[in-house]
């Protein structure tokens, strides 16, 4: 049996998907979580083979950040991210973190089940539409610039962003200024909006 932790902030969707995956003869959902913080805790507690996790979750770490923390503790865990908005810019970051699967929520549960099997077997799965989009969309921003813009979108101050990314406030300002110059935005908030519109965040 392939042991799963399922992470989804929408309770109805989480429950339905959990039931569908449990119907598969070789899959079992050993735990469910509603946010990134709980996902990290459940993955540490249950040591699953695969974590199936929503990319976009409000508050706390999103799916990508949670995936990074889970993999830092147990690199052999397979992570499959599911998303309603399959932004190609996120794909590059996900692969760098070590995510093995990337699937839009528009795909049926049976497809997700097969992706889980493939990922568990050591393969990587990237949805073809996401992969095609990633080939034609080039992001000029560095990972750190994307990090500080992502936190800007959450409404954090420069000081709060500095605390989250463990950098000096001056360094955060430099990253924000660099991002603004690269995209031609008049403010950090405008730069963040620009990045979202192009699928980099």
N, C-alpha and C. Protein backbone atom coordinates (compact mmCIF):
# COMPACT_ATOMS: atom_id res chain seq x y z
N UNK A 1 0.84 -1.21 0.00
CA UNK A 1 0.00 0.00 0.00
C UNK A 1 0.87 1.26 0.00
N UNK A 2 0.45 2.22 -0.78
CA UNK A 2 1.12 3.52 -0.80
C UNK A 2 0.42 4.41 0.21
N UNK A 3 1.17 4.84 1.22
CA UNK A 3 0.59 5.63 2.31
C UNK A 3 0.64 7.11 1.97
N UNK A 4 -0.53 7.77 2.10
CA UNK A 4 -0.66 9.17 1.69
C UNK A 4 -1.02 10.08 2.86
N UNK A 5 -0.49 11.30 2.81
CA UNK A 5 -1.03 12.40 3.60
C UNK A 5 -1.64 13.37 2.60
N UNK A 6 -2.89 13.73 2.82
CA UNK A 6 -3.64 14.60 1.91
C UNK A 6 -3.81 15.98 2.55
N UNK A 7 -3.40 17.01 1.81
CA UNK A 7 -3.44 18.37 2.35
C UNK A 7 -4.26 19.26 1.42
N UNK A 8 -5.35 19.79 1.96
CA UNK A 8 -6.26 20.65 1.17
C UNK A 8 -7.03 21.53 2.15
N UNK A 9 -7.05 22.84 1.90
CA UNK A 9 -7.68 23.73 2.88
C UNK A 9 -9.21 23.72 2.79
N UNK A 10 -9.78 23.29 1.66
CA UNK A 10 -11.24 23.24 1.53
C UNK A 10 -11.74 21.88 2.04
N UNK A 11 -12.48 21.91 3.14
CA UNK A 11 -12.87 20.69 3.83
C UNK A 11 -13.66 19.73 2.95
N UNK A 12 -14.61 20.24 2.18
CA UNK A 12 -15.44 19.37 1.36
C UNK A 12 -14.60 18.67 0.29
N UNK A 13 -13.74 19.44 -0.35
CA UNK A 13 -12.89 18.87 -1.39
C UNK A 13 -11.91 17.86 -0.78
N UNK A 14 -11.36 18.21 0.37
CA UNK A 14 -10.41 17.30 1.04
C UNK A 14 -11.08 15.97 1.38
N UNK A 15 -12.29 16.04 1.94
CA UNK A 15 -12.99 14.82 2.31
C UNK A 15 -13.35 13.97 1.10
N UNK A 16 -13.84 14.62 0.04
CA UNK A 16 -14.22 13.88 -1.17
C UNK A 16 -13.02 13.23 -1.83
N UNK A 17 -11.94 13.98 -1.94
CA UNK A 17 -10.74 13.43 -2.58
C UNK A 17 -10.15 12.30 -1.75
N UNK A 18 -10.19 12.46 -0.44
CA UNK A 18 -9.69 11.40 0.44
C UNK A 18 -10.47 10.11 0.25
N UNK A 19 -11.77 10.22 0.13
CA UNK A 19 -12.60 9.02 -0.08
C UNK A 19 -12.31 8.37 -1.42
N UNK A 20 -12.15 9.19 -2.46
CA UNK A 20 -11.88 8.64 -3.79
C UNK A 20 -10.52 7.94 -3.83
N UNK A 21 -9.52 8.54 -3.21
CA UNK A 21 -8.20 7.91 -3.21
C UNK A 21 -8.19 6.63 -2.38
N UNK A 22 -8.97 6.61 -1.31
CA UNK A 22 -9.05 5.40 -0.47
C UNK A 22 -9.73 4.24 -1.20
N UNK A 23 -10.50 4.54 -2.24
CA UNK A 23 -11.14 3.49 -3.02
C UNK A 23 -10.15 2.74 -3.91
N UNK A 24 -9.01 3.36 -4.15
CA UNK A 24 -7.99 2.70 -4.97
C UNK A 24 -7.38 1.55 -4.16
N UNK A 25 -7.20 0.38 -4.78
CA UNK A 25 -6.76 -0.81 -4.04
C UNK A 25 -5.36 -0.72 -3.44
N UNK A 26 -4.52 0.16 -4.00
CA UNK A 26 -3.14 0.23 -3.54
C UNK A 26 -2.80 1.55 -2.84
N UNK A 27 -3.82 2.37 -2.55
CA UNK A 27 -3.59 3.66 -1.89
C UNK A 27 -4.36 3.72 -0.58
N UNK A 28 -3.75 4.33 0.43
CA UNK A 28 -4.47 4.56 1.69
C UNK A 28 -4.08 5.92 2.25
N UNK A 29 -5.09 6.71 2.60
CA UNK A 29 -4.86 8.03 3.19
C UNK A 29 -4.72 7.85 4.70
N UNK A 30 -3.51 8.07 5.21
CA UNK A 30 -3.26 7.84 6.64
C UNK A 30 -3.51 9.09 7.46
N UNK A 31 -3.55 10.27 6.81
CA UNK A 31 -3.82 11.51 7.55
C UNK A 31 -4.23 12.60 6.56
N UNK A 32 -4.99 13.56 7.08
CA UNK A 32 -5.39 14.72 6.29
C UNK A 32 -5.03 15.98 7.06
N UNK A 33 -4.78 17.05 6.31
CA UNK A 33 -4.42 18.33 6.93
C UNK A 33 -5.06 19.45 6.14
N UNK A 34 -5.31 20.57 6.82
CA UNK A 34 -6.01 21.69 6.19
C UNK A 34 -5.09 22.85 5.84
N UNK A 35 -3.83 22.81 6.27
CA UNK A 35 -2.91 23.90 5.96
C UNK A 35 -1.47 23.40 5.98
N UNK A 36 -0.56 24.28 5.58
CA UNK A 36 0.84 23.90 5.46
C UNK A 36 1.48 23.50 6.78
N UNK A 37 1.14 24.21 7.85
CA UNK A 37 1.72 23.88 9.16
C UNK A 37 1.30 22.48 9.60
N UNK A 38 0.01 22.18 9.45
CA UNK A 38 -0.49 20.85 9.81
C UNK A 38 0.11 19.78 8.90
N UNK A 39 0.33 20.12 7.63
CA UNK A 39 0.92 19.17 6.69
C UNK A 39 2.31 18.74 7.14
N UNK A 40 3.10 19.70 7.57
CA UNK A 40 4.46 19.41 8.04
C UNK A 40 4.40 18.49 9.25
N UNK A 41 3.48 18.79 10.18
CA UNK A 41 3.34 17.97 11.39
C UNK A 41 2.86 16.56 11.07
N UNK A 42 1.86 16.43 10.20
CA UNK A 42 1.33 15.11 9.86
C UNK A 42 2.34 14.28 9.09
N UNK A 43 3.11 14.92 8.23
CA UNK A 43 4.15 14.18 7.49
C UNK A 43 5.22 13.66 8.44
N UNK A 44 5.57 14.45 9.46
CA UNK A 44 6.56 14.00 10.44
C UNK A 44 6.00 12.87 11.31
N UNK A 45 4.70 12.96 11.62
CA UNK A 45 4.07 11.97 12.50
C UNK A 45 3.85 10.63 11.80
N UNK A 46 3.40 10.67 10.56
CA UNK A 46 2.98 9.44 9.87
C UNK A 46 4.01 8.90 8.87
N UNK A 47 5.01 9.71 8.52
CA UNK A 47 6.05 9.30 7.56
C UNK A 47 5.42 8.64 6.33
N UNK A 48 4.63 9.38 5.56
CA UNK A 48 3.95 8.80 4.39
C UNK A 48 4.92 8.56 3.24
N UNK A 49 4.48 7.76 2.29
CA UNK A 49 5.25 7.58 1.07
C UNK A 49 5.11 8.80 0.17
N UNK A 50 3.88 9.32 0.11
CA UNK A 50 3.57 10.46 -0.77
C UNK A 50 2.70 11.46 -0.02
N UNK A 51 3.02 12.73 -0.19
CA UNK A 51 2.16 13.81 0.32
C UNK A 51 1.51 14.48 -0.90
N UNK A 52 0.18 14.48 -0.91
CA UNK A 52 -0.58 15.15 -1.97
C UNK A 52 -1.07 16.46 -1.37
N UNK A 53 -0.61 17.57 -1.94
CA UNK A 53 -0.81 18.84 -1.25
C UNK A 53 -1.27 19.94 -2.20
N UNK A 54 -2.24 20.70 -1.73
CA UNK A 54 -2.70 21.89 -2.45
C UNK A 54 -1.57 22.92 -2.47
N UNK A 55 -1.40 23.57 -3.60
CA UNK A 55 -0.36 24.60 -3.69
C UNK A 55 -0.77 25.86 -2.97
N UNK A 56 -2.01 26.30 -3.16
CA UNK A 56 -2.47 27.57 -2.59
C UNK A 56 -3.26 27.32 -1.32
N UNK A 57 -2.68 27.73 -0.19
CA UNK A 57 -3.38 27.61 1.10
C UNK A 57 -3.21 28.92 1.87
N UNK A 58 -4.30 29.45 2.41
CA UNK A 58 -4.22 30.74 3.10
C UNK A 58 -3.53 30.62 4.45
N UNK A 59 -2.76 31.66 4.80
CA UNK A 59 -2.11 31.69 6.10
C UNK A 59 -0.99 30.69 6.22
N UNK A 60 0.07 31.04 6.89
CA UNK A 60 1.17 30.11 7.10
C UNK A 60 1.85 29.73 5.80
N UNK A 61 2.62 28.64 5.82
CA UNK A 61 3.32 28.22 4.60
C UNK A 61 2.36 27.71 3.53
N UNK A 62 2.62 28.08 2.28
CA UNK A 62 1.82 27.52 1.19
C UNK A 62 2.34 26.13 0.87
N UNK A 63 1.76 25.49 -0.15
CA UNK A 63 2.15 24.12 -0.45
C UNK A 63 3.61 23.98 -0.82
N UNK A 64 4.14 24.97 -1.52
CA UNK A 64 5.54 24.89 -1.94
C UNK A 64 6.48 25.02 -0.76
N UNK A 65 6.20 25.97 0.13
CA UNK A 65 7.05 26.14 1.31
C UNK A 65 6.94 24.92 2.22
N UNK A 66 5.74 24.40 2.40
CA UNK A 66 5.56 23.20 3.22
C UNK A 66 6.29 22.01 2.62
N UNK A 67 6.25 21.89 1.30
CA UNK A 67 6.96 20.80 0.62
C UNK A 67 8.46 20.88 0.91
N UNK A 68 8.99 22.09 0.83
CA UNK A 68 10.41 22.27 1.12
C UNK A 68 10.79 21.85 2.52
N UNK A 69 9.93 22.18 3.48
CA UNK A 69 10.23 21.81 4.88
C UNK A 69 10.11 20.30 5.09
N UNK A 70 9.11 19.70 4.47
CA UNK A 70 8.93 18.25 4.60
C UNK A 70 10.14 17.53 4.00
N UNK A 71 10.56 17.98 2.83
CA UNK A 71 11.68 17.33 2.16
C UNK A 71 13.00 17.59 2.88
N UNK A 72 13.11 18.70 3.57
CA UNK A 72 14.32 18.97 4.34
C UNK A 72 14.48 17.95 5.46
N UNK A 73 13.34 17.52 6.02
CA UNK A 73 13.39 16.54 7.10
C UNK A 73 13.46 15.11 6.61
N UNK A 74 12.76 14.82 5.51
CA UNK A 74 12.72 13.46 4.93
C UNK A 74 12.80 13.56 3.41
N UNK A 75 14.01 13.60 2.87
CA UNK A 75 14.19 13.80 1.43
C UNK A 75 13.59 12.69 0.56
N UNK A 76 13.32 11.52 1.17
CA UNK A 76 12.77 10.41 0.37
C UNK A 76 11.25 10.49 0.22
N UNK A 77 10.61 11.45 0.89
CA UNK A 77 9.17 11.64 0.74
C UNK A 77 8.87 12.17 -0.66
N UNK A 78 7.86 11.63 -1.30
CA UNK A 78 7.45 12.12 -2.61
C UNK A 78 6.34 13.16 -2.42
N UNK A 79 6.46 14.26 -3.09
CA UNK A 79 5.47 15.33 -2.99
C UNK A 79 4.77 15.52 -4.33
N UNK A 80 3.44 15.54 -4.30
CA UNK A 80 2.64 15.87 -5.48
C UNK A 80 1.84 17.13 -5.13
N UNK A 81 2.04 18.18 -5.90
CA UNK A 81 1.28 19.42 -5.69
C UNK A 81 0.11 19.46 -6.65
N UNK A 82 -1.05 19.82 -6.12
CA UNK A 82 -2.23 20.04 -6.96
C UNK A 82 -2.61 21.51 -6.85
N UNK A 83 -3.09 22.07 -7.94
CA UNK A 83 -3.37 23.49 -7.95
C UNK A 83 -4.54 23.83 -8.84
N UNK A 84 -5.28 24.84 -8.44
CA UNK A 84 -6.40 25.33 -9.26
C UNK A 84 -5.87 26.22 -10.38
N UNK A 85 -4.78 26.94 -10.09
CA UNK A 85 -4.18 27.83 -11.08
C UNK A 85 -2.75 27.36 -11.32
N UNK A 86 -2.55 26.63 -12.39
CA UNK A 86 -1.25 26.02 -12.67
C UNK A 86 -0.32 27.03 -13.32
N UNK A 87 0.27 27.89 -12.52
CA UNK A 87 1.15 28.92 -13.05
C UNK A 87 2.52 28.32 -13.37
N UNK A 88 3.01 28.52 -14.59
CA UNK A 88 4.27 27.91 -14.98
C UNK A 88 5.46 28.41 -14.18
N UNK A 89 5.41 29.67 -13.70
CA UNK A 89 6.52 30.17 -12.90
C UNK A 89 6.71 29.37 -11.62
N UNK A 90 5.60 28.86 -11.08
CA UNK A 90 5.67 28.07 -9.86
C UNK A 90 6.30 26.70 -10.14
N UNK A 91 6.10 26.21 -11.35
CA UNK A 91 6.63 24.90 -11.71
C UNK A 91 8.14 24.84 -11.51
N UNK A 92 8.85 25.84 -11.98
CA UNK A 92 10.30 25.85 -11.85
C UNK A 92 10.71 25.80 -10.39
N UNK A 93 10.05 26.60 -9.56
CA UNK A 93 10.37 26.61 -8.13
C UNK A 93 10.06 25.26 -7.51
N UNK A 94 8.94 24.66 -7.90
CA UNK A 94 8.55 23.36 -7.33
C UNK A 94 9.59 22.29 -7.65
N UNK A 95 10.05 22.27 -8.88
CA UNK A 95 11.05 21.27 -9.27
C UNK A 95 12.37 21.48 -8.54
N UNK A 96 12.72 22.74 -8.31
CA UNK A 96 13.96 23.02 -7.58
C UNK A 96 13.87 22.54 -6.14
N UNK A 97 12.71 22.69 -5.55
CA UNK A 97 12.51 22.24 -4.16
C UNK A 97 12.59 20.72 -4.05
N UNK A 98 12.19 20.03 -5.12
CA UNK A 98 12.21 18.57 -5.09
C UNK A 98 10.85 17.93 -5.23
N UNK A 99 9.84 18.74 -5.58
CA UNK A 99 8.50 18.21 -5.83
C UNK A 99 8.56 17.27 -7.03
N UNK A 100 7.89 16.11 -6.92
CA UNK A 100 7.96 15.11 -7.98
C UNK A 100 6.75 15.12 -8.91
N UNK A 101 5.63 15.71 -8.48
CA UNK A 101 4.44 15.74 -9.31
C UNK A 101 3.76 17.09 -9.24
N UNK A 102 3.17 17.51 -10.36
CA UNK A 102 2.51 18.81 -10.42
C UNK A 102 1.27 18.63 -11.28
N UNK A 103 0.09 18.71 -10.65
CA UNK A 103 -1.17 18.35 -11.31
C UNK A 103 -2.23 19.43 -11.08
N UNK A 104 -2.91 19.89 -12.13
CA UNK A 104 -4.04 20.82 -11.94
C UNK A 104 -5.23 20.12 -11.29
N UNK A 105 -6.02 20.86 -10.54
CA UNK A 105 -7.20 20.28 -9.91
C UNK A 105 -8.27 19.90 -10.92
N UNK A 106 -8.12 20.34 -12.14
CA UNK A 106 -9.09 20.01 -13.18
C UNK A 106 -9.00 18.55 -13.62
N UNK A 107 -7.92 17.86 -13.26
CA UNK A 107 -7.78 16.46 -13.66
C UNK A 107 -8.62 15.57 -12.75
N UNK A 108 -9.13 14.44 -13.27
CA UNK A 108 -9.95 13.54 -12.45
C UNK A 108 -9.12 12.81 -11.39
N UNK A 109 -9.81 12.30 -10.38
CA UNK A 109 -9.14 11.62 -9.27
C UNK A 109 -8.36 10.39 -9.75
N UNK A 110 -8.89 9.69 -10.76
CA UNK A 110 -8.20 8.51 -11.28
C UNK A 110 -6.84 8.88 -11.87
N UNK A 111 -6.79 10.05 -12.51
CA UNK A 111 -5.52 10.53 -13.07
C UNK A 111 -4.54 10.83 -11.94
N UNK A 112 -5.03 11.51 -10.90
CA UNK A 112 -4.18 11.81 -9.74
C UNK A 112 -3.66 10.53 -9.11
N UNK A 113 -4.51 9.51 -9.00
CA UNK A 113 -4.09 8.24 -8.43
C UNK A 113 -2.93 7.63 -9.23
N UNK A 114 -3.00 7.72 -10.55
CA UNK A 114 -1.93 7.18 -11.37
C UNK A 114 -0.65 7.99 -11.23
N UNK A 115 -0.80 9.31 -11.11
CA UNK A 115 0.37 10.16 -10.87
C UNK A 115 1.04 9.77 -9.56
N UNK A 116 0.23 9.52 -8.53
CA UNK A 116 0.78 9.10 -7.23
C UNK A 116 1.59 7.81 -7.39
N UNK A 117 1.05 6.86 -8.13
CA UNK A 117 1.77 5.60 -8.35
C UNK A 117 3.09 5.83 -9.08
N UNK A 118 3.03 6.66 -10.12
CA UNK A 118 4.24 6.93 -10.90
C UNK A 118 5.31 7.62 -10.05
N UNK A 119 4.88 8.60 -9.28
CA UNK A 119 5.81 9.33 -8.42
C UNK A 119 6.39 8.41 -7.36
N UNK A 120 5.55 7.57 -6.79
CA UNK A 120 6.02 6.62 -5.78
C UNK A 120 7.05 5.67 -6.36
N UNK A 121 6.91 5.36 -7.65
CA UNK A 121 7.84 4.44 -8.33
C UNK A 121 9.16 5.13 -8.71
N UNK A 122 9.25 6.43 -8.42
CA UNK A 122 10.49 7.13 -8.69
C UNK A 122 10.47 8.03 -9.90
N UNK A 123 9.33 8.13 -10.55
CA UNK A 123 9.22 8.97 -11.73
C UNK A 123 8.79 10.39 -11.34
N UNK A 124 8.89 11.27 -12.30
CA UNK A 124 8.42 12.64 -12.12
C UNK A 124 7.25 12.87 -13.07
N UNK A 125 6.24 13.59 -12.61
CA UNK A 125 5.09 13.89 -13.48
C UNK A 125 4.82 15.38 -13.44
N UNK A 126 4.86 16.00 -14.62
CA UNK A 126 4.46 17.39 -14.78
C UNK A 126 3.37 17.42 -15.83
N UNK A 127 2.24 18.01 -15.48
CA UNK A 127 1.13 18.08 -16.42
C UNK A 127 1.59 18.73 -17.72
N UNK A 128 1.25 18.15 -18.87
CA UNK A 128 1.73 18.65 -20.16
C UNK A 128 1.41 20.12 -20.42
N UNK A 129 0.24 20.58 -20.00
CA UNK A 129 -0.12 21.98 -20.23
C UNK A 129 0.78 22.91 -19.44
N UNK A 130 1.10 22.52 -18.22
CA UNK A 130 1.98 23.35 -17.39
C UNK A 130 3.38 23.35 -17.98
N UNK A 131 3.85 22.18 -18.39
CA UNK A 131 5.18 22.07 -18.97
C UNK A 131 5.31 22.91 -20.23
N UNK A 132 4.30 22.88 -21.08
CA UNK A 132 4.33 23.65 -22.33
C UNK A 132 4.37 25.15 -22.04
N UNK A 133 3.58 25.58 -21.06
CA UNK A 133 3.55 27.00 -20.71
C UNK A 133 4.89 27.44 -20.14
N UNK A 134 5.53 26.55 -19.36
CA UNK A 134 6.81 26.89 -18.74
C UNK A 134 7.90 27.11 -19.78
N UNK A 135 7.78 26.44 -20.91
CA UNK A 135 8.79 26.57 -21.95
C UNK A 135 8.77 27.93 -22.63
N UNK A 136 7.61 28.58 -22.62
CA UNK A 136 7.49 29.84 -23.34
C UNK A 136 7.46 31.06 -22.41
N UNK A 137 7.48 30.84 -21.12
CA UNK A 137 7.40 31.96 -20.19
C UNK A 137 8.68 32.02 -19.36
N UNK A 138 9.48 33.03 -19.60
CA UNK A 138 10.77 33.15 -18.93
C UNK A 138 10.69 34.22 -17.85
N UNK A 139 10.98 33.84 -16.64
CA UNK A 139 10.91 34.77 -15.52
C UNK A 139 12.30 35.37 -15.24
N UNK A 140 12.43 36.70 -15.25
CA UNK A 140 13.73 37.33 -15.02
C UNK A 140 14.09 37.47 -13.54
N UNK A 141 13.15 37.16 -12.66
CA UNK A 141 13.37 37.38 -11.24
C UNK A 141 14.06 36.20 -10.57
N UNK A 142 14.92 36.52 -9.61
CA UNK A 142 15.61 35.47 -8.86
C UNK A 142 14.66 34.86 -7.83
N UNK A 143 15.07 33.73 -7.25
CA UNK A 143 14.24 33.09 -6.23
C UNK A 143 14.00 34.01 -5.05
N UNK A 144 15.02 34.73 -4.61
CA UNK A 144 14.87 35.65 -3.48
C UNK A 144 13.92 36.80 -3.81
N UNK A 145 14.02 37.31 -5.03
CA UNK A 145 13.11 38.38 -5.44
C UNK A 145 11.67 37.88 -5.47
N UNK A 146 11.48 36.66 -5.93
CA UNK A 146 10.14 36.07 -5.91
C UNK A 146 9.65 35.87 -4.48
N UNK A 147 10.55 35.45 -3.60
CA UNK A 147 10.18 35.23 -2.20
C UNK A 147 9.66 36.52 -1.56
N UNK A 148 10.38 37.63 -1.75
CA UNK A 148 9.98 38.87 -1.08
C UNK A 148 8.71 39.45 -1.74
N UNK A 149 8.54 39.23 -3.04
CA UNK A 149 7.30 39.68 -3.68
C UNK A 149 6.11 38.85 -3.21
N UNK A 150 6.32 37.56 -3.00
CA UNK A 150 5.25 36.68 -2.51
C UNK A 150 4.79 37.16 -1.13
N UNK A 151 5.72 37.52 -0.29
CA UNK A 151 5.36 38.00 1.05
C UNK A 151 4.77 39.41 1.00
N UNK A 152 5.18 40.19 0.03
CA UNK A 152 4.56 41.50 -0.18
C UNK A 152 3.07 41.33 -0.48
N UNK A 153 2.74 40.32 -1.27
CA UNK A 153 1.33 40.04 -1.59
C UNK A 153 0.52 39.71 -0.34
N UNK A 154 1.18 39.15 0.67
CA UNK A 154 0.49 38.81 1.91
C UNK A 154 0.26 40.03 2.79
N UNK A 155 0.78 41.18 2.36
CA UNK A 155 0.57 42.41 3.10
C UNK A 155 1.61 42.68 4.18
N UNK A 156 2.72 41.95 4.15
CA UNK A 156 3.74 42.12 5.18
C UNK A 156 4.56 43.38 4.94
N UNK A 157 5.02 43.97 6.03
CA UNK A 157 5.94 45.10 5.94
C UNK A 157 7.33 44.59 5.59
N UNK A 158 8.22 45.51 5.23
CA UNK A 158 9.59 45.11 4.92
C UNK A 158 10.23 44.42 6.12
N UNK A 159 9.97 44.96 7.31
CA UNK A 159 10.55 44.36 8.52
C UNK A 159 10.02 42.95 8.74
N UNK A 160 8.71 42.76 8.52
CA UNK A 160 8.13 41.43 8.69
C UNK A 160 8.64 40.45 7.64
N UNK A 161 8.80 40.94 6.42
CA UNK A 161 9.36 40.09 5.36
C UNK A 161 10.77 39.65 5.75
N UNK A 162 11.55 40.59 6.26
CA UNK A 162 12.92 40.28 6.67
C UNK A 162 12.94 39.17 7.71
N UNK A 163 11.99 39.23 8.66
CA UNK A 163 11.91 38.19 9.67
C UNK A 163 11.55 36.83 9.09
N UNK A 164 10.66 36.82 8.11
CA UNK A 164 10.21 35.56 7.50
C UNK A 164 11.31 34.90 6.68
N UNK A 165 12.11 35.71 5.97
CA UNK A 165 13.14 35.13 5.09
C UNK A 165 14.53 35.14 5.74
N UNK A 166 14.59 35.61 6.99
CA UNK A 166 15.84 35.60 7.76
C UNK A 166 16.94 36.43 7.08
N UNK A 167 16.56 37.64 6.67
CA UNK A 167 17.50 38.57 6.07
C UNK A 167 17.36 39.92 6.74
N UNK A 168 18.36 40.77 6.57
CA UNK A 168 18.27 42.14 7.08
C UNK A 168 17.26 42.92 6.26
N UNK A 169 16.62 43.90 6.91
CA UNK A 169 15.61 44.71 6.22
C UNK A 169 16.20 45.41 5.01
N UNK A 170 17.43 45.88 5.12
CA UNK A 170 18.09 46.54 4.00
C UNK A 170 18.28 45.61 2.82
N UNK A 171 18.59 44.35 3.10
CA UNK A 171 18.75 43.35 2.04
C UNK A 171 17.42 43.09 1.35
N UNK A 172 16.35 43.02 2.14
CA UNK A 172 15.01 42.84 1.57
C UNK A 172 14.67 44.01 0.66
N UNK A 173 14.97 45.25 1.10
CA UNK A 173 14.70 46.42 0.26
C UNK A 173 15.47 46.33 -1.06
N UNK A 174 16.71 45.84 -0.99
CA UNK A 174 17.51 45.70 -2.21
C UNK A 174 16.87 44.71 -3.18
N UNK A 175 16.38 43.57 -2.66
CA UNK A 175 15.70 42.58 -3.51
C UNK A 175 14.44 43.16 -4.12
N UNK A 176 13.69 43.89 -3.31
CA UNK A 176 12.45 44.51 -3.81
C UNK A 176 12.76 45.55 -4.89
N UNK A 177 13.78 46.37 -4.66
CA UNK A 177 14.15 47.39 -5.65
C UNK A 177 14.60 46.74 -6.95
N UNK A 178 15.38 45.67 -6.83
CA UNK A 178 15.85 44.96 -8.02
C UNK A 178 14.69 44.39 -8.82
N UNK A 179 13.72 43.81 -8.10
CA UNK A 179 12.54 43.25 -8.77
C UNK A 179 11.75 44.35 -9.46
N UNK A 180 11.59 45.49 -8.79
CA UNK A 180 10.84 46.60 -9.38
C UNK A 180 11.50 47.10 -10.66
N UNK A 181 12.83 47.19 -10.63
CA UNK A 181 13.57 47.66 -11.82
C UNK A 181 13.42 46.65 -12.96
N UNK A 182 13.53 45.37 -12.65
CA UNK A 182 13.46 44.34 -13.70
C UNK A 182 12.11 44.32 -14.42
N UNK A 183 11.04 44.58 -13.68
CA UNK A 183 9.71 44.52 -14.31
C UNK A 183 9.16 45.90 -14.63
N UNK A 184 9.90 46.95 -14.27
CA UNK A 184 9.46 48.31 -14.58
C UNK A 184 8.26 48.74 -13.77
N UNK A 185 8.20 48.31 -12.50
CA UNK A 185 7.06 48.64 -11.64
C UNK A 185 7.40 49.81 -10.72
N UNK A 186 6.42 50.67 -10.43
CA UNK A 186 6.68 51.84 -9.58
C UNK A 186 6.72 51.53 -8.08
N UNK A 187 6.22 50.36 -7.69
CA UNK A 187 6.20 50.01 -6.26
C UNK A 187 6.36 48.50 -6.11
N UNK A 188 6.65 48.08 -4.88
CA UNK A 188 6.79 46.64 -4.65
C UNK A 188 5.46 45.91 -4.84
N UNK A 189 4.37 46.58 -4.49
CA UNK A 189 3.05 45.97 -4.67
C UNK A 189 2.71 45.82 -6.15
N UNK A 190 3.08 46.81 -6.95
CA UNK A 190 2.86 46.72 -8.39
C UNK A 190 3.73 45.62 -9.00
N UNK A 191 4.95 45.48 -8.49
CA UNK A 191 5.84 44.42 -8.98
C UNK A 191 5.26 43.04 -8.65
N UNK A 192 4.67 42.92 -7.46
CA UNK A 192 4.06 41.64 -7.07
C UNK A 192 2.87 41.33 -7.96
N UNK A 193 2.03 42.33 -8.25
CA UNK A 193 0.89 42.13 -9.14
C UNK A 193 1.34 41.72 -10.54
N UNK A 194 2.39 42.36 -11.01
CA UNK A 194 2.94 42.05 -12.33
C UNK A 194 3.40 40.58 -12.38
N UNK A 195 4.08 40.15 -11.33
CA UNK A 195 4.57 38.78 -11.27
C UNK A 195 3.42 37.77 -11.24
N UNK A 196 2.37 38.10 -10.51
CA UNK A 196 1.20 37.21 -10.44
C UNK A 196 0.54 37.09 -11.81
N UNK A 197 0.38 38.23 -12.47
CA UNK A 197 -0.29 38.24 -13.79
C UNK A 197 0.45 37.40 -14.82
N UNK A 198 1.76 37.25 -14.64
CA UNK A 198 2.55 36.49 -15.60
C UNK A 198 2.84 35.06 -15.12
N UNK A 199 2.23 34.69 -14.00
CA UNK A 199 2.36 33.33 -13.52
C UNK A 199 3.67 33.01 -12.85
N UNK A 200 4.41 34.04 -12.42
CA UNK A 200 5.68 33.78 -11.74
C UNK A 200 5.49 33.51 -10.27
N UNK A 201 4.35 33.93 -9.72
CA UNK A 201 4.06 33.70 -8.30
C UNK A 201 2.84 32.77 -8.19
